[in-house]
Amino acid sequence: VRSHCAYPCQCTNRDPVCEPGVPHTRDGCGCCPVCARQDGDPCDGIAVCDQRKGLVCQYDDYYSAAGVCRADYRKHVRDLLFLYSTPSAVPTNLPLHELADR
């Protein structure tokens, strides 16, 4: 990623105008303010995903230059494991697919 970065940073003088609810973040170089990419948006080492929403850039394979912002499945798995390891936290009246959406 850093090989695609220009130092010193070469940013515009204006902050980007983001959609409502989309935060500013720094690009993958750590230089310029950009709008954080959202779920389903294309991403790469420069165009970064909205980490506040738990999004990460998921690539098709190791050699892909670009990916798509998606929820970090590892966090989802950890949350489900915690949920199932705490019997009192598992509601017994919900179908399993509704537990996964919580």
C-alpha atoms as a PDB file:
ATOM      1  CA  VAL A   1       0.000   0.000   0.000  1.00  0.00           C
ATOM      2  CA  ARG A   2       2.629   2.493   1.033  1.00  0.00           C
ATOM      3  CA  SER A   3       4.254   2.102  -2.393  1.00  0.00           C
ATOM      4  CA  HIS A   4       1.164   3.807  -3.877  1.00  0.00           C
ATOM      5  CA  CYS A   5       1.436   6.712  -1.456  1.00  0.00           C
ATOM      6  CA  ALA A   6       3.087  10.022  -2.257  1.00  0.00           C
ATOM      7  CA  TYR A   7       5.117  11.657   0.497  1.00  0.00           C
ATOM      8  CA  PRO A   8       4.911  14.389   1.477  1.00  0.00           C
ATOM      9  CA  CYS A   9       1.140  14.017   1.341  1.00  0.00           C
ATOM     10  CA  GLN A  10      -0.616  15.675  -1.585  1.00  0.00           C
ATOM     11  CA  CYS A  11      -4.148  16.403  -0.383  1.00  0.00           C
ATOM     12  CA  THR A  12      -6.692  18.885  -1.664  1.00  0.00           C
ATOM     13  CA  ASN A  13      -7.406  21.895   0.522  1.00  0.00           C
ATOM     14  CA  ARG A  14     -11.027  20.844   1.053  1.00  0.00           C
ATOM     15  CA  ASP A  15     -12.505  18.119   3.193  1.00  0.00           C
ATOM     16  CA  PRO A  16     -14.578  15.663   1.161  1.00  0.00           C
ATOM     17  CA  VAL A  17     -18.364  15.957   1.294  1.00  0.00           C
ATOM     18  CA  CYS A  18     -19.656  12.620   2.588  1.00  0.00           C
ATOM     19  CA  GLU A  19     -23.154  11.174   2.505  1.00  0.00           C
ATOM     20  CA  PRO A  20     -25.142  11.646   5.729  1.00  0.00           C
ATOM     21  CA  GLY A  21     -23.908   9.217   8.387  1.00  0.00           C
ATOM     22  CA  VAL A  22     -20.621   8.533   6.594  1.00  0.00           C
ATOM     23  CA  PRO A  23     -17.608   9.670   8.624  1.00  0.00           C
ATOM     24  CA  HIS A  24     -14.354  11.179   7.461  1.00  0.00           C
ATOM     25  CA  THR A  25     -11.285   9.024   7.914  1.00  0.00           C
ATOM     26  CA  ARG A  26      -7.713   9.092   6.642  1.00  0.00           C
ATOM     27  CA  ASP A  27      -6.832   7.348   3.417  1.00  0.00           C
ATOM     28  CA  GLY A  28      -4.750   4.189   3.521  1.00  0.00           C
ATOM     29  CA  CYS A  29      -1.586   6.300   3.365  1.00  0.00           C
ATOM     30  CA  GLY A  30      -2.597   8.072   6.552  1.00  0.00           C
ATOM     31  CA  CYS A  31      -2.512  11.370   4.709  1.00  0.00           C
ATOM     32  CA  CYS A  32      -5.702  12.817   3.329  1.00  0.00           C
ATOM     33  CA  PRO A  33      -9.236  12.979   4.707  1.00  0.00           C
ATOM     34  CA  VAL A  34     -11.632  10.781   2.718  1.00  0.00           C
ATOM     35  CA  CYS A  35     -15.158   9.473   3.139  1.00  0.00           C
ATOM     36  CA  ALA A  36     -15.070   6.026   4.720  1.00  0.00           C
ATOM     37  CA  ARG A  37     -16.242   3.338   2.308  1.00  0.00           C
ATOM     38  CA  GLN A  38     -19.481   1.602   3.258  1.00  0.00           C
ATOM     39  CA  ASP A  39     -20.834  -1.950   3.020  1.00  0.00           C
ATOM     40  CA  GLY A  40     -20.627  -3.133  -0.592  1.00  0.00           C
ATOM     41  CA  ASP A  41     -18.356  -0.285  -1.723  1.00  0.00           C
ATOM     42  CA  PRO A  42     -15.140  -1.048  -3.589  1.00  0.00           C
ATOM     43  CA  CYS A  43     -11.998  -0.648  -1.494  1.00  0.00           C
ATOM     44  CA  ASP A  44      -8.257  -1.108  -1.621  1.00  0.00           C
ATOM     45  CA  GLY A  45      -5.202  -0.045   0.315  1.00  0.00           C
ATOM     46  CA  ILE A  46      -5.978   3.632  -0.283  1.00  0.00           C
ATOM     47  CA  ALA A  47      -9.810   3.678  -0.226  1.00  0.00           C
ATOM     48  CA  VAL A  48     -10.519   2.397   3.284  1.00  0.00           C
ATOM     49  CA  CYS A  49     -13.663   0.926   4.829  1.00  0.00           C
ATOM     50  CA  ASP A  50     -15.632   2.340   7.749  1.00  0.00           C
ATOM     51  CA  GLN A  51     -13.938   0.639  10.700  1.00  0.00           C
ATOM     52  CA  ARG A  52     -16.385   2.229  13.143  1.00  0.00           C
ATOM     53  CA  LYS A  53     -19.053  -0.002  11.618  1.00  0.00           C
ATOM     54  CA  GLY A  54     -16.798  -3.054  11.729  1.00  0.00           C
ATOM     55  CA  LEU A  55     -16.209  -3.075   7.969  1.00  0.00           C
ATOM     56  CA  VAL A  56     -13.045  -4.471   6.428  1.00  0.00           C
ATOM     57  CA  CYS A  57     -11.853  -4.713   2.844  1.00  0.00           C
ATOM     58  CA  GLN A  58     -12.375  -8.316   1.772  1.00  0.00           C
ATOM     59  CA  TYR A  59     -10.422  -9.461  -1.274  1.00  0.00           C
ATOM     60  CA  ASP A  60     -11.292 -12.393  -3.541  1.00  0.00           C
ATOM     61  CA  ASP A  61      -7.785 -13.765  -3.187  1.00  0.00           C
ATOM     62  CA  TYR A  62      -4.283 -12.848  -2.119  1.00  0.00           C
ATOM     63  CA  TYR A  63      -3.432 -11.312  -5.505  1.00  0.00           C
ATOM     64  CA  SER A  64      -6.490  -9.061  -5.859  1.00  0.00           C
ATOM     65  CA  ALA A  65      -5.704  -5.350  -5.996  1.00  0.00           C
ATOM     66  CA  ALA A  66      -9.222  -4.315  -4.968  1.00  0.00           C
ATOM     67  CA  GLY A  67     -11.892  -5.720  -2.721  1.00  0.00           C
ATOM     68  CA  VAL A  68     -15.324  -4.945  -1.308  1.00  0.00           C
ATOM     69  CA  CYS A  69     -16.174  -3.515   2.114  1.00  0.00           C
ATOM     70  CA  ARG A  70     -17.949  -6.136   4.203  1.00  0.00           C
ATOM     71  CA  ALA A  71     -18.582  -6.800   7.873  1.00  0.00           C
ATOM     72  CA  ASP A  72     -15.639  -8.428   9.599  1.00  0.00           C
ATOM     73  CA  TYR A  73     -16.898 -12.022   9.802  1.00  0.00           C
ATOM     74  CA  ARG A  74     -14.322 -12.802  12.505  1.00  0.00           C
ATOM     75  CA  LYS A  75     -16.017 -10.358  14.879  1.00  0.00           C
ATOM     76  CA  HIS A  76     -19.400 -11.886  14.057  1.00  0.00           C
ATOM     77  CA  VAL A  77     -18.076 -15.374  14.837  1.00  0.00           C
ATOM     78  CA  ARG A  78     -16.549 -14.165  18.131  1.00  0.00           C
ATOM     79  CA  ASP A  79     -19.868 -12.545  19.084  1.00  0.00           C
ATOM     80  CA  LEU A  80     -21.781 -15.753  18.341  1.00  0.00           C
ATOM     81  CA  LEU A  81     -19.286 -17.873  20.267  1.00  0.00           C
ATOM     82  CA  PHE A  82     -19.625 -15.567  23.257  1.00  0.00           C
ATOM     83  CA  LEU A  83     -23.393 -15.660  22.980  1.00  0.00           C
ATOM     84  CA  TYR A  84     -23.486 -19.456  22.949  1.00  0.00           C
ATOM     85  CA  SER A  85     -20.940 -19.735  25.757  1.00  0.00           C
ATOM     86  CA  THR A  86     -23.264 -17.757  28.028  1.00  0.00           C
ATOM     87  CA  PRO A  87     -26.411 -19.924  28.384  1.00  0.00           C
ATOM     88  CA  SER A  88     -28.401 -17.259  30.200  1.00  0.00           C
ATOM     89  CA  ALA A  89     -27.819 -14.864  27.271  1.00  0.00           C
ATOM     90  CA  VAL A  90     -29.430 -17.161  24.693  1.00  0.00           C
ATOM     91  CA  PRO A  91     -33.117 -16.393  24.306  1.00  0.00           C
ATOM     92  CA  THR A  92     -34.964 -19.670  23.900  1.00  0.00           C
ATOM     93  CA  ASN A  93     -37.895 -18.209  22.000  1.00  0.00           C
ATOM     94  CA  LEU A  94     -35.953 -16.984  18.928  1.00  0.00           C
ATOM     95  CA  PRO A  95     -35.219 -19.053  15.804  1.00  0.00           C
ATOM     96  CA  LEU A  96     -31.497 -19.543  15.184  1.00  0.00           C
ATOM     97  CA  HIS A  97     -31.424 -17.230  12.140  1.00  0.00           C
ATOM     98  CA  GLU A  98     -32.722 -14.369  14.303  1.00  0.00           C
ATOM     99  CA  LEU A  99     -29.923 -14.927  16.816  1.00  0.00           C
ATOM    100  CA  ALA A 100     -27.375 -14.483  14.038  1.00  0.00           C
ATOM    101  CA  ASP A 101     -28.905 -11.117  13.118  1.00  0.00           C
ATOM    102  CA  ARG A 102     -28.558  -9.715  16.654  1.00  0.00           C
END
